[in-house]
Amino acid sequence: MDTRGLLADAFHRLPPLVRHLADGADDHLLHTRVDDDANPLAWLLWHTIRIQDAQVAELAGREQVWTAQGWVDRFGLPLDPEDHGYGHRREDVARVRVADPGLLVGYQDAVTAMVDDYLAEVDGAELDRVVDDGYDPPVTAGVRLVSILGDAFQHLGQADYLRGVLERSR
């Protein structure tokens, strides 16, 4: 397996996880916060997908799926269209309300298709391209992709734990 295949395999592990976590989730499961500063399931899933979208679109030099394919309108969140959840305070988190968990699944699938398009063009030179020289060592596209995946798997693990706690507390 080459690097492109490895990255594609890792990114393709995300949609089934999102689908599993969103499947059958009602308002209680989607929006309950275990304390005032905790992130609910809907926010964790939305943020995980938004980060993939925003960061891979930037790497690829493309418009985010969120705006290009109208997901921003389908979700109808009272947030800036560029918002992806980073730095949200508790009141910002509370504004992320998702009536239909199928939106999260559809958005993740659309983002994965965009990631696939980008990865189809990736070669060693692209993975070595410096995308942020504000760090030592500078961040390359390859390092950014691994970081996106690490963030996604962490948030999806949090979401899985949260959903389990909420289901057992009923």
Protein backbone atom coordinates (compact mmCIF):
# COMPACT_ATOMS: atom_id res chain seq x y z
CA MET A 1 0.00 0.00 0.00
CA ASP A 2 1.35 3.42 -0.91
CA THR A 3 0.93 6.62 1.10
CA ARG A 4 -2.09 7.74 -0.91
CA GLY A 5 -3.82 4.40 -0.27
CA LEU A 6 -2.99 4.55 3.42
CA LEU A 7 -4.46 8.05 3.76
CA ALA A 8 -7.56 7.08 1.76
CA ASP A 9 -8.09 4.03 3.97
CA ALA A 10 -7.83 6.17 7.11
CA PHE A 11 -10.25 8.82 5.81
CA HIS A 12 -12.69 6.10 4.70
CA ARG A 13 -12.91 4.84 8.28
CA LEU A 14 -14.64 8.08 9.30
CA PRO A 15 -18.01 7.81 7.44
CA PRO A 16 -19.02 4.47 9.02
CA LEU A 17 -18.21 5.86 12.46
CA VAL A 18 -20.30 8.99 11.84
CA ARG A 19 -23.12 6.85 10.44
CA HIS A 20 -23.03 4.57 13.50
CA LEU A 21 -23.08 7.50 15.91
CA ALA A 22 -25.84 9.39 14.07
CA ASP A 23 -28.05 6.39 13.35
CA GLY A 24 -31.29 6.62 15.31
CA ALA A 25 -30.08 9.56 17.40
CA ASP A 26 -33.00 11.56 18.74
CA ASP A 27 -32.96 15.07 20.17
CA HIS A 28 -31.92 13.76 23.60
CA LEU A 29 -28.90 11.90 22.23
CA LEU A 30 -27.93 14.70 19.85
CA HIS A 31 -28.15 17.69 22.17
CA THR A 32 -27.78 16.60 25.79
CA ARG A 33 -24.73 18.05 27.53
CA VAL A 34 -23.37 16.14 30.50
CA ASP A 35 -22.44 19.50 32.03
CA ASP A 36 -22.65 23.14 30.96
CA ASP A 37 -19.25 23.10 29.24
CA ALA A 38 -19.47 19.66 27.63
CA ASN A 39 -19.98 19.25 23.91
CA PRO A 40 -23.06 17.30 22.83
CA LEU A 41 -23.08 14.56 20.21
CA ALA A 42 -24.44 16.77 17.40
CA TRP A 43 -21.70 19.34 17.98
CA LEU A 44 -18.94 16.70 18.13
CA LEU A 45 -20.04 15.15 14.84
CA TRP A 46 -20.62 18.51 13.10
CA HIS A 47 -17.26 19.87 14.25
CA THR A 48 -15.42 16.71 13.23
CA ILE A 49 -16.81 16.95 9.71
CA ARG A 50 -16.36 20.72 9.45
CA ILE A 51 -12.67 20.45 10.39
CA GLN A 52 -12.07 17.82 7.71
CA ASP A 53 -13.87 19.98 5.18
CA ALA A 54 -12.20 23.28 6.05
CA GLN A 55 -8.67 21.93 6.31
CA VAL A 56 -8.66 19.57 3.31
CA ALA A 57 -10.38 22.19 1.13
CA GLU A 58 -7.64 24.63 2.11
CA LEU A 59 -4.94 22.08 1.23
CA ALA A 60 -6.63 21.40 -2.09
CA GLY A 61 -7.22 25.07 -2.90
CA ARG A 62 -10.96 24.42 -3.24
CA GLU A 63 -14.11 25.89 -1.78
CA GLN A 64 -15.40 24.03 1.24
CA VAL A 65 -18.14 21.46 0.61
CA TRP A 66 -20.11 23.25 3.36
CA THR A 67 -20.69 26.26 1.13
CA ALA A 68 -20.05 24.88 -2.37
CA GLN A 69 -22.70 22.17 -2.06
CA GLY A 70 -25.18 24.08 0.09
CA TRP A 71 -24.75 22.16 3.33
CA VAL A 72 -24.61 25.46 5.20
CA ASP A 73 -28.20 26.13 4.08
CA ARG A 74 -29.41 22.58 4.75
CA PHE A 75 -28.15 22.73 8.32
CA GLY A 76 -29.41 26.30 8.79
CA LEU A 77 -27.23 26.97 11.81
CA PRO A 78 -27.12 30.52 13.21
CA LEU A 79 -23.35 30.68 12.68
CA ASP A 80 -20.96 32.35 10.26
CA PRO A 81 -20.59 30.12 7.17
CA GLU A 82 -16.84 29.87 7.82
CA ASP A 83 -17.35 28.68 11.39
CA HIS A 84 -16.17 25.15 12.08
CA GLY A 85 -16.37 25.12 15.85
CA TYR A 86 -12.78 25.79 16.80
CA GLY A 87 -12.75 28.01 19.89
CA HIS A 88 -16.48 27.75 20.52
CA ARG A 89 -17.73 28.92 23.88
CA ARG A 90 -20.67 27.19 25.55
CA GLU A 91 -23.22 29.52 23.95
CA ASP A 92 -21.74 28.87 20.49
CA VAL A 93 -21.89 25.12 21.08
CA ALA A 94 -25.56 25.46 22.07
CA ARG A 95 -26.37 27.01 18.67
CA VAL A 96 -25.39 23.80 16.86
CA ARG A 97 -28.75 22.02 16.75
CA VAL A 98 -29.32 19.29 14.20
CA ALA A 99 -32.92 18.18 13.66
CA ASP A 100 -32.06 15.34 11.27
CA PRO A 101 -28.99 13.21 12.05
CA GLY A 102 -29.04 12.11 8.41
CA LEU A 103 -27.65 15.55 7.56
CA LEU A 104 -24.47 14.69 9.42
CA VAL A 105 -24.11 11.42 7.52
CA GLY A 106 -24.75 13.09 4.16
CA TYR A 107 -22.32 15.91 4.89
CA GLN A 108 -19.61 13.45 5.97
CA ASP A 109 -20.12 11.46 2.75
CA ALA A 110 -19.83 14.64 0.66
CA VAL A 111 -16.65 15.68 2.48
CA THR A 112 -15.16 12.22 2.01
CA ALA A 113 -15.81 12.50 -1.74
CA MET A 114 -13.93 15.83 -1.77
CA VAL A 115 -11.08 14.27 0.20
CA ASP A 116 -10.95 11.42 -2.32
CA ASP A 117 -10.66 13.94 -5.17
CA TYR A 118 -7.76 15.64 -3.40
CA LEU A 119 -5.98 12.41 -2.51
CA ALA A 120 -6.23 11.24 -6.12
CA GLU A 121 -3.90 14.13 -7.01
CA VAL A 122 -1.52 13.78 -4.07
CA ASP A 123 2.09 12.82 -4.65
CA GLY A 124 5.24 13.00 -2.54
CA ALA A 125 5.88 16.63 -3.47
CA GLU A 126 2.38 17.61 -2.35
CA LEU A 127 2.72 15.77 0.95
CA ASP A 128 6.06 17.56 1.55
CA ARG A 129 4.66 21.00 0.66
CA VAL A 130 4.94 23.37 3.64
CA VAL A 131 1.51 24.71 4.51
CA ASP A 132 2.34 26.47 7.77
CA ASP A 133 5.84 27.72 8.53
CA GLY A 134 4.77 29.12 11.89
CA TYR A 135 5.91 25.94 13.62
CA ASP A 136 9.29 24.32 14.11
CA PRO A 137 9.44 22.12 12.17
CA PRO A 138 7.11 23.67 9.57
CA VAL A 139 3.83 21.83 8.96
CA THR A 140 3.59 19.99 5.65
CA ALA A 141 0.44 18.88 3.83
CA GLY A 142 1.18 15.31 4.93
CA VAL A 143 1.49 16.29 8.58
CA ARG A 144 -1.72 18.33 8.31
CA LEU A 145 -3.61 15.31 6.92
CA VAL A 146 -2.41 13.13 9.80
CA SER A 147 -3.40 15.89 12.24
CA ILE A 148 -6.90 16.10 10.71
CA LEU A 149 -7.29 12.34 11.11
CA GLY A 150 -6.00 12.41 14.70
CA ASP A 151 -8.48 15.15 15.60
CA ALA A 152 -11.34 13.31 13.89
CA PHE A 153 -10.68 10.00 15.62
CA GLN A 154 -10.39 11.72 19.01
CA HIS A 155 -13.70 13.54 18.59
CA LEU A 156 -15.47 10.45 17.28
CA GLY A 157 -14.18 8.49 20.28
CA GLN A 158 -15.57 11.20 22.55
CA ALA A 159 -18.88 11.04 20.68
CA ASP A 160 -19.04 7.25 20.99
CA TYR A 161 -18.38 7.42 24.73
CA LEU A 162 -20.96 10.19 25.16
CA ARG A 163 -23.64 8.34 23.22
CA GLY A 164 -23.04 5.24 25.34
CA VAL A 165 -23.34 7.21 28.58
CA LEU A 166 -26.56 8.88 27.41
CA GLU A 167 -28.11 5.60 26.23
CA ARG A 168 -27.38 3.91 29.56
CA SER A 169 -28.78 6.86 31.54
CA ARG A 170 -32.30 6.56 30.09
